Amino acid sequence: MRCAHWRRVPLDLAQEAREKSAATHIDRAVQCQLSAHDGCEHFGLLTDDGAYGTALWLRWYGTGEVELVVLPDCPVVAPWPDGEGCCLFADHAKQHTWKYTPEGASCTN
């Protein structure tokens, strides 16, 4: 199950995200993409960074600090044949996305 926390993307960070990537649209709010967790650090995917193997994320802590971070993609794939890759970033906490999404589901929301 995915974390239930959402965060509005501040206008200045949305503009900065558009400038840092080829994306023409940045969502106004993002959901934490980690599996359900007790910690206050959350990560919402904004867009692929444009550089191979990285993505632009919104990181926030509870209701406080929020920032843009570029993180490398998680290299782990599911163990079954034609296994789906994890849709998170390298060294993330908790489980990989294919452990809490049905087999064959995509990384997009």
C-alpha atoms as a PDB file:
ATOM      1  CA  MET A   1       0.000   0.000   0.000  1.00  0.00           C
ATOM      2  CA  ARG A   2       1.297   3.464  -0.911  1.00  0.00           C
ATOM      3  CA  CYS A   3       1.737   6.294   1.606  1.00  0.00           C
ATOM      4  CA  ALA A   4      -1.422   8.412   1.839  1.00  0.00           C
ATOM      5  CA  HIS A   5       0.334  11.790   2.267  1.00  0.00           C
ATOM      6  CA  TRP A   6      -0.090  14.484  -0.390  1.00  0.00           C
ATOM      7  CA  ARG A   7       1.605  17.879  -0.775  1.00  0.00           C
ATOM      8  CA  ARG A   8       0.773  20.913  -2.884  1.00  0.00           C
ATOM      9  CA  VAL A   9       3.702  21.958  -5.063  1.00  0.00           C
ATOM     10  CA  PRO A  10       4.611  25.581  -4.252  1.00  0.00           C
ATOM     11  CA  LEU A  11       4.429  27.840  -7.334  1.00  0.00           C
ATOM     12  CA  ASP A  12       8.110  28.799  -7.154  1.00  0.00           C
ATOM     13  CA  LEU A  13       9.164  25.134  -7.014  1.00  0.00           C
ATOM     14  CA  ALA A  14       6.799  24.218  -9.875  1.00  0.00           C
ATOM     15  CA  GLN A  15       8.428  26.947 -11.985  1.00  0.00           C
ATOM     16  CA  GLU A  16      11.912  25.757 -10.997  1.00  0.00           C
ATOM     17  CA  ALA A  17      10.940  22.158 -11.883  1.00  0.00           C
ATOM     18  CA  ARG A  18       9.790  23.283 -15.363  1.00  0.00           C
ATOM     19  CA  GLU A  19      13.100  25.097 -15.854  1.00  0.00           C
ATOM     20  CA  LYS A  20      15.140  22.057 -14.753  1.00  0.00           C
ATOM     21  CA  SER A  21      13.347  19.561 -16.993  1.00  0.00           C
ATOM     22  CA  ALA A  22      11.798  19.257 -20.418  1.00  0.00           C
ATOM     23  CA  ALA A  23       8.361  18.910 -18.823  1.00  0.00           C
ATOM     24  CA  THR A  24       5.820  21.531 -19.820  1.00  0.00           C
ATOM     25  CA  HIS A  25       3.401  20.512 -17.070  1.00  0.00           C
ATOM     26  CA  ILE A  26       4.063  19.929 -13.389  1.00  0.00           C
ATOM     27  CA  ASP A  27       1.210  18.659 -11.209  1.00  0.00           C
ATOM     28  CA  ARG A  28      -0.028  21.109  -8.572  1.00  0.00           C
ATOM     29  CA  ALA A  29      -0.038  18.377  -5.918  1.00  0.00           C
ATOM     30  CA  VAL A  30       1.821  15.075  -5.541  1.00  0.00           C
ATOM     31  CA  GLN A  31       1.326  11.962  -3.456  1.00  0.00           C
ATOM     32  CA  CYS A  32       4.223  10.374  -1.593  1.00  0.00           C
ATOM     33  CA  GLN A  33       5.367   7.448  -3.729  1.00  0.00           C
ATOM     34  CA  LEU A  34       6.882   5.434  -0.883  1.00  0.00           C
ATOM     35  CA  SER A  35       5.024   2.502   0.588  1.00  0.00           C
ATOM     36  CA  ALA A  36       3.062   3.310   3.752  1.00  0.00           C
ATOM     37  CA  HIS A  37       5.508   4.433   6.423  1.00  0.00           C
ATOM     38  CA  ASP A  38       5.653   6.083   9.837  1.00  0.00           C
ATOM     39  CA  GLY A  39       8.371   8.623   9.042  1.00  0.00           C
ATOM     40  CA  CYS A  40       7.756  12.277   8.265  1.00  0.00           C
ATOM     41  CA  GLU A  41       9.991  12.387   5.140  1.00  0.00           C
ATOM     42  CA  HIS A  42       7.955  12.053   1.931  1.00  0.00           C
ATOM     43  CA  PHE A  43       8.791  11.973  -1.804  1.00  0.00           C
ATOM     44  CA  GLY A  44       6.459  12.878  -4.672  1.00  0.00           C
ATOM     45  CA  LEU A  45       7.538  12.301  -8.274  1.00  0.00           C
ATOM     46  CA  LEU A  46       7.437  15.450 -10.408  1.00  0.00           C
ATOM     47  CA  THR A  47       9.058  14.360 -13.683  1.00  0.00           C
ATOM     48  CA  ASP A  48      11.952  12.538 -15.276  1.00  0.00           C
ATOM     49  CA  ASP A  49      14.928  14.850 -14.979  1.00  0.00           C
ATOM     50  CA  GLY A  50      15.921  14.470 -18.619  1.00  0.00           C
ATOM     51  CA  ALA A  51      19.232  12.856 -17.693  1.00  0.00           C
ATOM     52  CA  TYR A  52      19.153   9.098 -18.181  1.00  0.00           C
ATOM     53  CA  GLY A  53      18.407   7.257 -14.958  1.00  0.00           C
ATOM     54  CA  THR A  54      17.340  10.211 -12.818  1.00  0.00           C
ATOM     55  CA  ALA A  55      14.094  11.915 -11.849  1.00  0.00           C
ATOM     56  CA  LEU A  56      13.013  15.157 -10.210  1.00  0.00           C
ATOM     57  CA  TRP A  57      11.253  14.670  -6.869  1.00  0.00           C
ATOM     58  CA  LEU A  58       9.519  16.906  -4.353  1.00  0.00           C
ATOM     59  CA  ARG A  59      10.771  16.027  -0.863  1.00  0.00           C
ATOM     60  CA  TRP A  60       8.926  17.265   2.209  1.00  0.00           C
ATOM     61  CA  TYR A  61       8.974  16.770   5.949  1.00  0.00           C
ATOM     62  CA  GLY A  62       5.534  16.677   7.576  1.00  0.00           C
ATOM     63  CA  THR A  63       3.968  20.090   7.007  1.00  0.00           C
ATOM     64  CA  GLY A  64       7.314  21.933   7.057  1.00  0.00           C
ATOM     65  CA  GLU A  65      10.300  22.088   4.731  1.00  0.00           C
ATOM     66  CA  VAL A  66       9.816  21.274   1.050  1.00  0.00           C
ATOM     67  CA  GLU A  67      12.477  21.083  -1.694  1.00  0.00           C
ATOM     68  CA  LEU A  68      13.266  19.775  -5.166  1.00  0.00           C
ATOM     69  CA  VAL A  69      15.779  16.931  -5.384  1.00  0.00           C
ATOM     70  CA  VAL A  70      17.227  15.063  -8.358  1.00  0.00           C
ATOM     71  CA  LEU A  71      17.658  11.404  -7.457  1.00  0.00           C
ATOM     72  CA  PRO A  72      18.967   8.397  -9.397  1.00  0.00           C
ATOM     73  CA  ASP A  73      16.404   5.743 -10.322  1.00  0.00           C
ATOM     74  CA  CYS A  74      16.196   2.556  -8.262  1.00  0.00           C
ATOM     75  CA  PRO A  75      17.976  -0.166 -10.261  1.00  0.00           C
ATOM     76  CA  VAL A  76      16.022  -3.113  -8.755  1.00  0.00           C
ATOM     77  CA  VAL A  77      13.596  -5.123 -10.900  1.00  0.00           C
ATOM     78  CA  ALA A  78      10.974  -7.657  -9.871  1.00  0.00           C
ATOM     79  CA  PRO A  79      12.279 -11.227  -9.657  1.00  0.00           C
ATOM     80  CA  TRP A  80       9.745 -12.778 -12.047  1.00  0.00           C
ATOM     81  CA  PRO A  81      10.344 -13.092 -15.829  1.00  0.00           C
ATOM     82  CA  ASP A  82       9.943  -9.739 -17.576  1.00  0.00           C
ATOM     83  CA  GLY A  83       9.950  -8.163 -14.120  1.00  0.00           C
ATOM     84  CA  GLU A  84       8.877  -4.552 -13.778  1.00  0.00           C
ATOM     85  CA  GLY A  85      11.454  -2.067 -12.554  1.00  0.00           C
ATOM     86  CA  CYS A  86      10.975  -0.214  -9.295  1.00  0.00           C
ATOM     87  CA  CYS A  87       9.542   3.275  -9.914  1.00  0.00           C
ATOM     88  CA  LEU A  88      11.298   4.891  -6.948  1.00  0.00           C
ATOM     89  CA  PHE A  89      14.802   6.289  -6.425  1.00  0.00           C
ATOM     90  CA  ALA A  90      17.985   4.429  -5.472  1.00  0.00           C
ATOM     91  CA  ASP A  91      18.367   3.479  -1.801  1.00  0.00           C
ATOM     92  CA  HIS A  92      14.750   4.316  -0.911  1.00  0.00           C
ATOM     93  CA  ALA A  93      13.309   3.068   2.376  1.00  0.00           C
ATOM     94  CA  LYS A  94      10.764   0.265   2.611  1.00  0.00           C
ATOM     95  CA  GLN A  95       9.636  -1.918  -0.278  1.00  0.00           C
ATOM     96  CA  HIS A  96       9.889  -1.552  -4.047  1.00  0.00           C
ATOM     97  CA  THR A  97       6.852  -0.356  -6.003  1.00  0.00           C
ATOM     98  CA  TRP A  98       6.248  -3.733  -7.634  1.00  0.00           C
ATOM     99  CA  LYS A  99       5.728  -5.197  -4.153  1.00  0.00           C
ATOM    100  CA  TYR A 100       2.652  -3.034  -3.515  1.00  0.00           C
ATOM    101  CA  THR A 101       1.188  -2.717  -7.014  1.00  0.00           C
ATOM    102  CA  PRO A 102      -0.420  -5.534  -8.997  1.00  0.00           C
ATOM    103  CA  GLU A 103       1.893  -7.292 -11.443  1.00  0.00           C
ATOM    104  CA  GLY A 104       1.805  -5.452 -14.732  1.00  0.00           C
ATOM    105  CA  ALA A 105       0.798  -2.079 -13.261  1.00  0.00           C
ATOM    106  CA  SER A 106       2.719   0.905 -14.546  1.00  0.00           C
ATOM    107  CA  CYS A 107       4.638   3.563 -12.618  1.00  0.00           C
ATOM    108  CA  THR A 108       2.320   6.386 -13.628  1.00  0.00           C
ATOM    109  CA  ASN A 109      -0.495   7.660 -11.455  1.00  0.00           C
END
